[in-house]
Amino acid sequence: MAAVYSTRFLQAHGLSGTTTYTVPAGYRAVLVQLDTYSNPLLALEVFLHGALGQAMWWGQWTPTIPQYQHWAGRQVIEAGESVDVEVNAGPGDGADVTLSGYLLTLP
């Protein structure tokens, strides 16, 4: 029986823009949760994009209100495919993001 451990795919503090994770050859990633936090001066949006660039999750923040938002699911990303977290933020704003799940060895 194979041991399965949680893996952190992405993490960023004050992200404004995009950060990407590509699944290495011989593996399959299962995205389980995305944790986000921000206290923006202006409106802010966070997107979780799948391998085709499709939006799998979206969160929106109201200016000057600190807020934590969480996504939980089971999305599969295959070897060689990428997933990204995009933060659309105003000048000087950003969000803390952490994406985790499982990295499974292919048979």
N, C-alpha and C. Protein backbone atom coordinates (compact mmCIF):
# COMPACT_ATOMS: atom_id res chain seq x y z
N MET A 1 0.85 -1.18 0.00
CA MET A 1 0.00 0.00 0.00
C MET A 1 0.89 1.25 0.00
N ALA A 2 0.58 2.17 -0.86
CA ALA A 2 1.36 3.40 -0.97
C ALA A 2 0.98 4.39 0.12
N ALA A 3 1.97 5.08 0.66
CA ALA A 3 1.72 6.14 1.63
C ALA A 3 1.34 7.41 0.87
N VAL A 4 0.33 8.12 1.34
CA VAL A 4 -0.11 9.36 0.71
C VAL A 4 0.08 10.49 1.71
N TYR A 5 0.77 11.53 1.29
CA TYR A 5 1.04 12.67 2.15
C TYR A 5 0.54 13.95 1.49
N SER A 6 0.15 14.89 2.31
CA SER A 6 -0.25 16.20 1.79
C SER A 6 0.96 16.92 1.22
N THR A 7 0.71 17.73 0.19
CA THR A 7 1.76 18.49 -0.47
C THR A 7 1.31 19.93 -0.62
N ARG A 8 2.20 20.87 -0.37
CA ARG A 8 1.91 22.28 -0.63
C ARG A 8 2.43 22.59 -2.02
N PHE A 9 1.52 22.96 -2.93
CA PHE A 9 1.89 23.25 -4.31
C PHE A 9 2.32 24.69 -4.50
N LEU A 10 1.62 25.62 -3.88
CA LEU A 10 1.91 27.04 -4.03
C LEU A 10 1.74 27.74 -2.69
N GLN A 11 2.56 28.73 -2.46
CA GLN A 11 2.33 29.64 -1.34
C GLN A 11 2.95 30.99 -1.69
N ALA A 12 2.26 32.04 -1.30
CA ALA A 12 2.77 33.39 -1.57
C ALA A 12 2.21 34.34 -0.53
N HIS A 13 3.01 35.32 -0.18
CA HIS A 13 2.60 36.37 0.76
C HIS A 13 2.48 37.68 -0.02
N GLY A 14 1.31 38.31 0.02
CA GLY A 14 1.12 39.58 -0.67
C GLY A 14 1.17 39.46 -2.18
N LEU A 15 0.69 38.35 -2.72
CA LEU A 15 0.74 38.12 -4.16
C LEU A 15 -0.14 39.10 -4.92
N SER A 16 0.44 39.71 -5.94
CA SER A 16 -0.29 40.51 -6.91
C SER A 16 0.21 40.05 -8.27
N GLY A 17 -0.66 39.39 -9.01
CA GLY A 17 -0.25 38.76 -10.27
C GLY A 17 -0.55 37.28 -10.19
N THR A 18 0.30 36.47 -10.82
CA THR A 18 0.02 35.04 -10.94
C THR A 18 1.21 34.21 -10.49
N THR A 19 0.92 33.10 -9.81
CA THR A 19 1.93 32.11 -9.48
C THR A 19 1.43 30.76 -9.98
N THR A 20 2.34 29.95 -10.53
CA THR A 20 1.96 28.73 -11.25
C THR A 20 2.69 27.51 -10.70
N TYR A 21 1.99 26.38 -10.71
CA TYR A 21 2.60 25.09 -10.36
C TYR A 21 2.37 24.14 -11.53
N THR A 22 3.43 23.45 -11.96
CA THR A 22 3.34 22.45 -13.01
C THR A 22 3.60 21.08 -12.40
N VAL A 23 2.71 20.13 -12.68
CA VAL A 23 2.85 18.78 -12.15
C VAL A 23 4.01 18.09 -12.85
N PRO A 24 4.96 17.53 -12.07
CA PRO A 24 6.10 16.87 -12.70
C PRO A 24 5.71 15.58 -13.42
N ALA A 25 6.54 15.18 -14.37
CA ALA A 25 6.34 13.93 -15.10
C ALA A 25 6.26 12.77 -14.11
N GLY A 26 5.33 11.85 -14.38
CA GLY A 26 5.20 10.67 -13.53
C GLY A 26 4.29 10.85 -12.33
N TYR A 27 3.63 12.02 -12.24
CA TYR A 27 2.77 12.31 -11.10
C TYR A 27 1.41 12.83 -11.54
N ARG A 28 0.47 12.78 -10.64
CA ARG A 28 -0.86 13.38 -10.79
C ARG A 28 -1.10 14.18 -9.51
N ALA A 29 -1.54 15.42 -9.65
CA ALA A 29 -1.84 16.26 -8.48
C ALA A 29 -3.34 16.27 -8.23
N VAL A 30 -3.72 16.21 -6.99
CA VAL A 30 -5.12 16.37 -6.59
C VAL A 30 -5.16 17.62 -5.71
N LEU A 31 -5.80 18.67 -6.23
CA LEU A 31 -5.93 19.91 -5.48
C LEU A 31 -7.04 19.74 -4.45
N VAL A 32 -6.75 20.07 -3.21
CA VAL A 32 -7.71 19.84 -2.13
C VAL A 32 -8.19 21.15 -1.51
N GLN A 33 -7.27 22.10 -1.30
CA GLN A 33 -7.72 23.34 -0.69
C GLN A 33 -6.85 24.53 -1.07
N LEU A 34 -7.51 25.68 -1.13
CA LEU A 34 -6.85 26.96 -1.35
C LEU A 34 -7.29 27.88 -0.22
N ASP A 35 -6.32 28.40 0.53
CA ASP A 35 -6.59 29.36 1.61
C ASP A 35 -6.09 30.72 1.16
N THR A 36 -6.92 31.74 1.34
CA THR A 36 -6.57 33.09 0.91
C THR A 36 -6.93 34.10 1.99
N TYR A 37 -6.11 35.15 2.09
CA TYR A 37 -6.37 36.23 3.03
C TYR A 37 -5.91 37.54 2.42
N SER A 38 -6.68 38.60 2.66
CA SER A 38 -6.26 39.93 2.25
C SER A 38 -7.01 40.99 3.06
N ASN A 39 -6.40 42.13 3.18
CA ASN A 39 -7.01 43.34 3.74
C ASN A 39 -6.70 44.48 2.77
N PRO A 40 -7.34 44.47 1.59
CA PRO A 40 -6.94 45.38 0.51
C PRO A 40 -7.44 46.81 0.70
N LEU A 41 -6.69 47.73 0.13
CA LEU A 41 -7.11 49.13 0.10
C LEU A 41 -8.19 49.34 -0.96
N LEU A 42 -8.10 48.55 -2.05
CA LEU A 42 -9.07 48.61 -3.14
C LEU A 42 -9.69 47.23 -3.31
N ALA A 43 -10.69 47.11 -4.18
CA ALA A 43 -11.29 45.81 -4.45
C ALA A 43 -10.22 44.85 -4.97
N LEU A 44 -10.36 43.58 -4.65
CA LEU A 44 -9.38 42.57 -5.00
C LEU A 44 -10.10 41.28 -5.38
N GLU A 45 -9.54 40.55 -6.36
CA GLU A 45 -10.09 39.26 -6.79
C GLU A 45 -8.99 38.21 -6.79
N VAL A 46 -9.37 36.98 -6.46
CA VAL A 46 -8.46 35.84 -6.54
C VAL A 46 -9.13 34.76 -7.39
N PHE A 47 -8.37 34.21 -8.34
CA PHE A 47 -8.85 33.11 -9.18
C PHE A 47 -7.95 31.90 -8.99
N LEU A 48 -8.55 30.72 -8.99
CA LEU A 48 -7.83 29.45 -9.12
C LEU A 48 -8.16 28.93 -10.51
N HIS A 49 -7.12 28.81 -11.35
CA HIS A 49 -7.30 28.37 -12.74
C HIS A 49 -6.78 26.95 -12.91
N GLY A 50 -7.54 26.15 -13.69
CA GLY A 50 -7.15 24.79 -14.02
C GLY A 50 -6.23 24.73 -15.22
N ALA A 51 -5.96 23.51 -15.66
CA ALA A 51 -4.99 23.25 -16.72
C ALA A 51 -5.33 23.92 -18.05
N LEU A 52 -6.60 24.17 -18.32
CA LEU A 52 -7.00 24.84 -19.56
C LEU A 52 -7.16 26.35 -19.39
N GLY A 53 -6.85 26.84 -18.21
CA GLY A 53 -7.05 28.26 -17.90
C GLY A 53 -8.44 28.54 -17.38
N GLN A 54 -9.25 27.49 -17.21
CA GLN A 54 -10.62 27.68 -16.73
C GLN A 54 -10.62 28.08 -15.25
N ALA A 55 -11.58 28.93 -14.90
CA ALA A 55 -11.73 29.32 -13.50
C ALA A 55 -12.38 28.18 -12.73
N MET A 56 -11.67 27.70 -11.70
CA MET A 56 -12.22 26.65 -10.84
C MET A 56 -12.78 27.24 -9.55
N TRP A 57 -12.29 28.44 -9.20
CA TRP A 57 -12.78 29.14 -8.01
C TRP A 57 -12.47 30.62 -8.18
N TRP A 58 -13.32 31.44 -7.57
CA TRP A 58 -13.14 32.89 -7.61
C TRP A 58 -13.57 33.47 -6.27
N GLY A 59 -12.81 34.42 -5.77
CA GLY A 59 -13.16 35.13 -4.55
C GLY A 59 -12.98 36.62 -4.77
N GLN A 60 -13.79 37.41 -4.09
CA GLN A 60 -13.74 38.87 -4.23
C GLN A 60 -13.70 39.50 -2.84
N TRP A 61 -12.88 40.54 -2.68
CA TRP A 61 -12.73 41.24 -1.42
C TRP A 61 -13.27 42.66 -1.55
N THR A 62 -13.88 43.12 -0.49
CA THR A 62 -14.35 44.50 -0.39
C THR A 62 -13.21 45.34 0.19
N PRO A 63 -13.01 46.56 -0.32
CA PRO A 63 -11.92 47.40 0.19
C PRO A 63 -12.00 47.61 1.70
N THR A 64 -10.83 47.59 2.32
CA THR A 64 -10.57 47.90 3.74
C THR A 64 -11.24 46.93 4.72
N ILE A 65 -11.71 45.78 4.25
CA ILE A 65 -12.29 44.78 5.15
C ILE A 65 -11.41 43.53 5.10
N PRO A 66 -10.68 43.22 6.19
CA PRO A 66 -9.86 42.01 6.18
C PRO A 66 -10.75 40.78 6.05
N GLN A 67 -10.34 39.85 5.20
CA GLN A 67 -11.19 38.70 4.93
C GLN A 67 -10.35 37.49 4.58
N TYR A 68 -10.79 36.34 5.08
CA TYR A 68 -10.23 35.04 4.74
C TYR A 68 -11.27 34.30 3.90
N GLN A 69 -10.82 33.70 2.79
CA GLN A 69 -11.70 32.88 1.97
C GLN A 69 -11.01 31.55 1.69
N HIS A 70 -11.82 30.50 1.57
CA HIS A 70 -11.30 29.15 1.47
C HIS A 70 -12.04 28.39 0.36
N TRP A 71 -11.29 27.65 -0.44
CA TRP A 71 -11.89 26.74 -1.40
C TRP A 71 -11.49 25.32 -1.01
N ALA A 72 -12.43 24.40 -1.07
CA ALA A 72 -12.14 22.99 -0.82
C ALA A 72 -12.77 22.17 -1.94
N GLY A 73 -12.04 21.20 -2.45
CA GLY A 73 -12.55 20.38 -3.54
C GLY A 73 -11.64 19.22 -3.83
N ARG A 74 -11.81 18.64 -4.98
CA ARG A 74 -10.98 17.53 -5.45
C ARG A 74 -10.81 17.68 -6.96
N GLN A 75 -9.87 18.50 -7.37
CA GLN A 75 -9.61 18.71 -8.78
C GLN A 75 -8.31 18.00 -9.16
N VAL A 76 -8.34 17.26 -10.26
CA VAL A 76 -7.19 16.47 -10.71
C VAL A 76 -6.44 17.23 -11.79
N ILE A 77 -5.12 17.34 -11.63
CA ILE A 77 -4.25 17.97 -12.62
C ILE A 77 -3.21 16.91 -13.01
N GLU A 78 -3.12 16.62 -14.30
CA GLU A 78 -2.27 15.54 -14.78
C GLU A 78 -0.82 15.98 -14.97
N ALA A 79 0.07 15.00 -15.12
CA ALA A 79 1.49 15.25 -15.36
C ALA A 79 1.68 16.21 -16.53
N GLY A 80 2.53 17.21 -16.33
CA GLY A 80 2.82 18.19 -17.38
C GLY A 80 1.83 19.34 -17.45
N GLU A 81 0.69 19.22 -16.79
CA GLU A 81 -0.29 20.31 -16.77
C GLU A 81 0.04 21.29 -15.65
N SER A 82 -0.50 22.50 -15.77
CA SER A 82 -0.25 23.54 -14.78
C SER A 82 -1.55 24.05 -14.17
N VAL A 83 -1.43 24.56 -12.98
CA VAL A 83 -2.52 25.21 -12.28
C VAL A 83 -1.96 26.54 -11.77
N ASP A 84 -2.80 27.58 -11.71
CA ASP A 84 -2.27 28.83 -11.18
C ASP A 84 -3.28 29.53 -10.28
N VAL A 85 -2.73 30.41 -9.46
CA VAL A 85 -3.53 31.32 -8.64
C VAL A 85 -3.20 32.72 -9.13
N GLU A 86 -4.26 33.46 -9.47
CA GLU A 86 -4.11 34.82 -9.98
C GLU A 86 -4.78 35.79 -9.02
N VAL A 87 -4.04 36.83 -8.64
CA VAL A 87 -4.59 37.88 -7.77
C VAL A 87 -4.63 39.17 -8.56
N ASN A 88 -5.84 39.69 -8.76
CA ASN A 88 -6.02 41.00 -9.40
C ASN A 88 -6.17 42.02 -8.28
N ALA A 89 -5.15 42.84 -8.12
CA ALA A 89 -5.10 43.76 -6.99
C ALA A 89 -4.70 45.15 -7.45
N GLY A 90 -5.10 46.14 -6.68
CA GLY A 90 -4.70 47.51 -6.94
C GLY A 90 -3.27 47.75 -6.49
N PRO A 91 -2.72 48.93 -6.78
CA PRO A 91 -1.35 49.25 -6.39
C PRO A 91 -1.15 49.09 -4.88
N GLY A 92 -0.10 48.36 -4.53
CA GLY A 92 0.23 48.16 -3.12
C GLY A 92 -0.57 47.08 -2.43
N ASP A 93 -1.55 46.49 -3.11
CA ASP A 93 -2.37 45.42 -2.52
C ASP A 93 -1.89 44.05 -2.99
N GLY A 94 -2.33 43.03 -2.28
CA GLY A 94 -2.03 41.66 -2.65
C GLY A 94 -2.76 40.73 -1.70
N ALA A 95 -2.57 39.45 -1.88
CA ALA A 95 -3.23 38.45 -1.04
C ALA A 95 -2.24 37.36 -0.65
N ASP A 96 -2.45 36.80 0.51
CA ASP A 96 -1.70 35.63 0.94
C ASP A 96 -2.45 34.40 0.42
N VAL A 97 -1.75 33.48 -0.22
CA VAL A 97 -2.39 32.31 -0.81
C VAL A 97 -1.58 31.05 -0.51
N THR A 98 -2.27 29.95 -0.26
CA THR A 98 -1.64 28.65 -0.09
C THR A 98 -2.53 27.60 -0.75
N LEU A 99 -1.97 26.84 -1.67
CA LEU A 99 -2.69 25.78 -2.38
C LEU A 99 -2.04 24.46 -2.02
N SER A 100 -2.86 23.50 -1.56
CA SER A 100 -2.31 22.21 -1.17
C SER A 100 -3.19 21.07 -1.63
N GLY A 101 -2.66 19.87 -1.50
CA GLY A 101 -3.39 18.67 -1.90
C GLY A 101 -2.47 17.48 -1.84
N TYR A 102 -2.61 16.58 -2.84
CA TYR A 102 -1.82 15.35 -2.89
C TYR A 102 -1.08 15.25 -4.21
N LEU A 103 0.15 14.78 -4.16
CA LEU A 103 0.93 14.51 -5.36
C LEU A 103 1.11 13.00 -5.42
N LEU A 104 0.42 12.37 -6.37
CA LEU A 104 0.37 10.91 -6.45
C LEU A 104 1.28 10.40 -7.56
N THR A 105 1.98 9.32 -7.29
CA THR A 105 2.82 8.67 -8.30
C THR A 105 1.92 7.90 -9.26
N LEU A 106 2.16 8.07 -10.56
CA LEU A 106 1.38 7.34 -11.55
C LEU A 106 1.79 5.87 -11.57
N PRO A 107 0.83 4.99 -11.86
CA PRO A 107 1.16 3.55 -11.90
C PRO A 107 2.07 3.22 -13.06
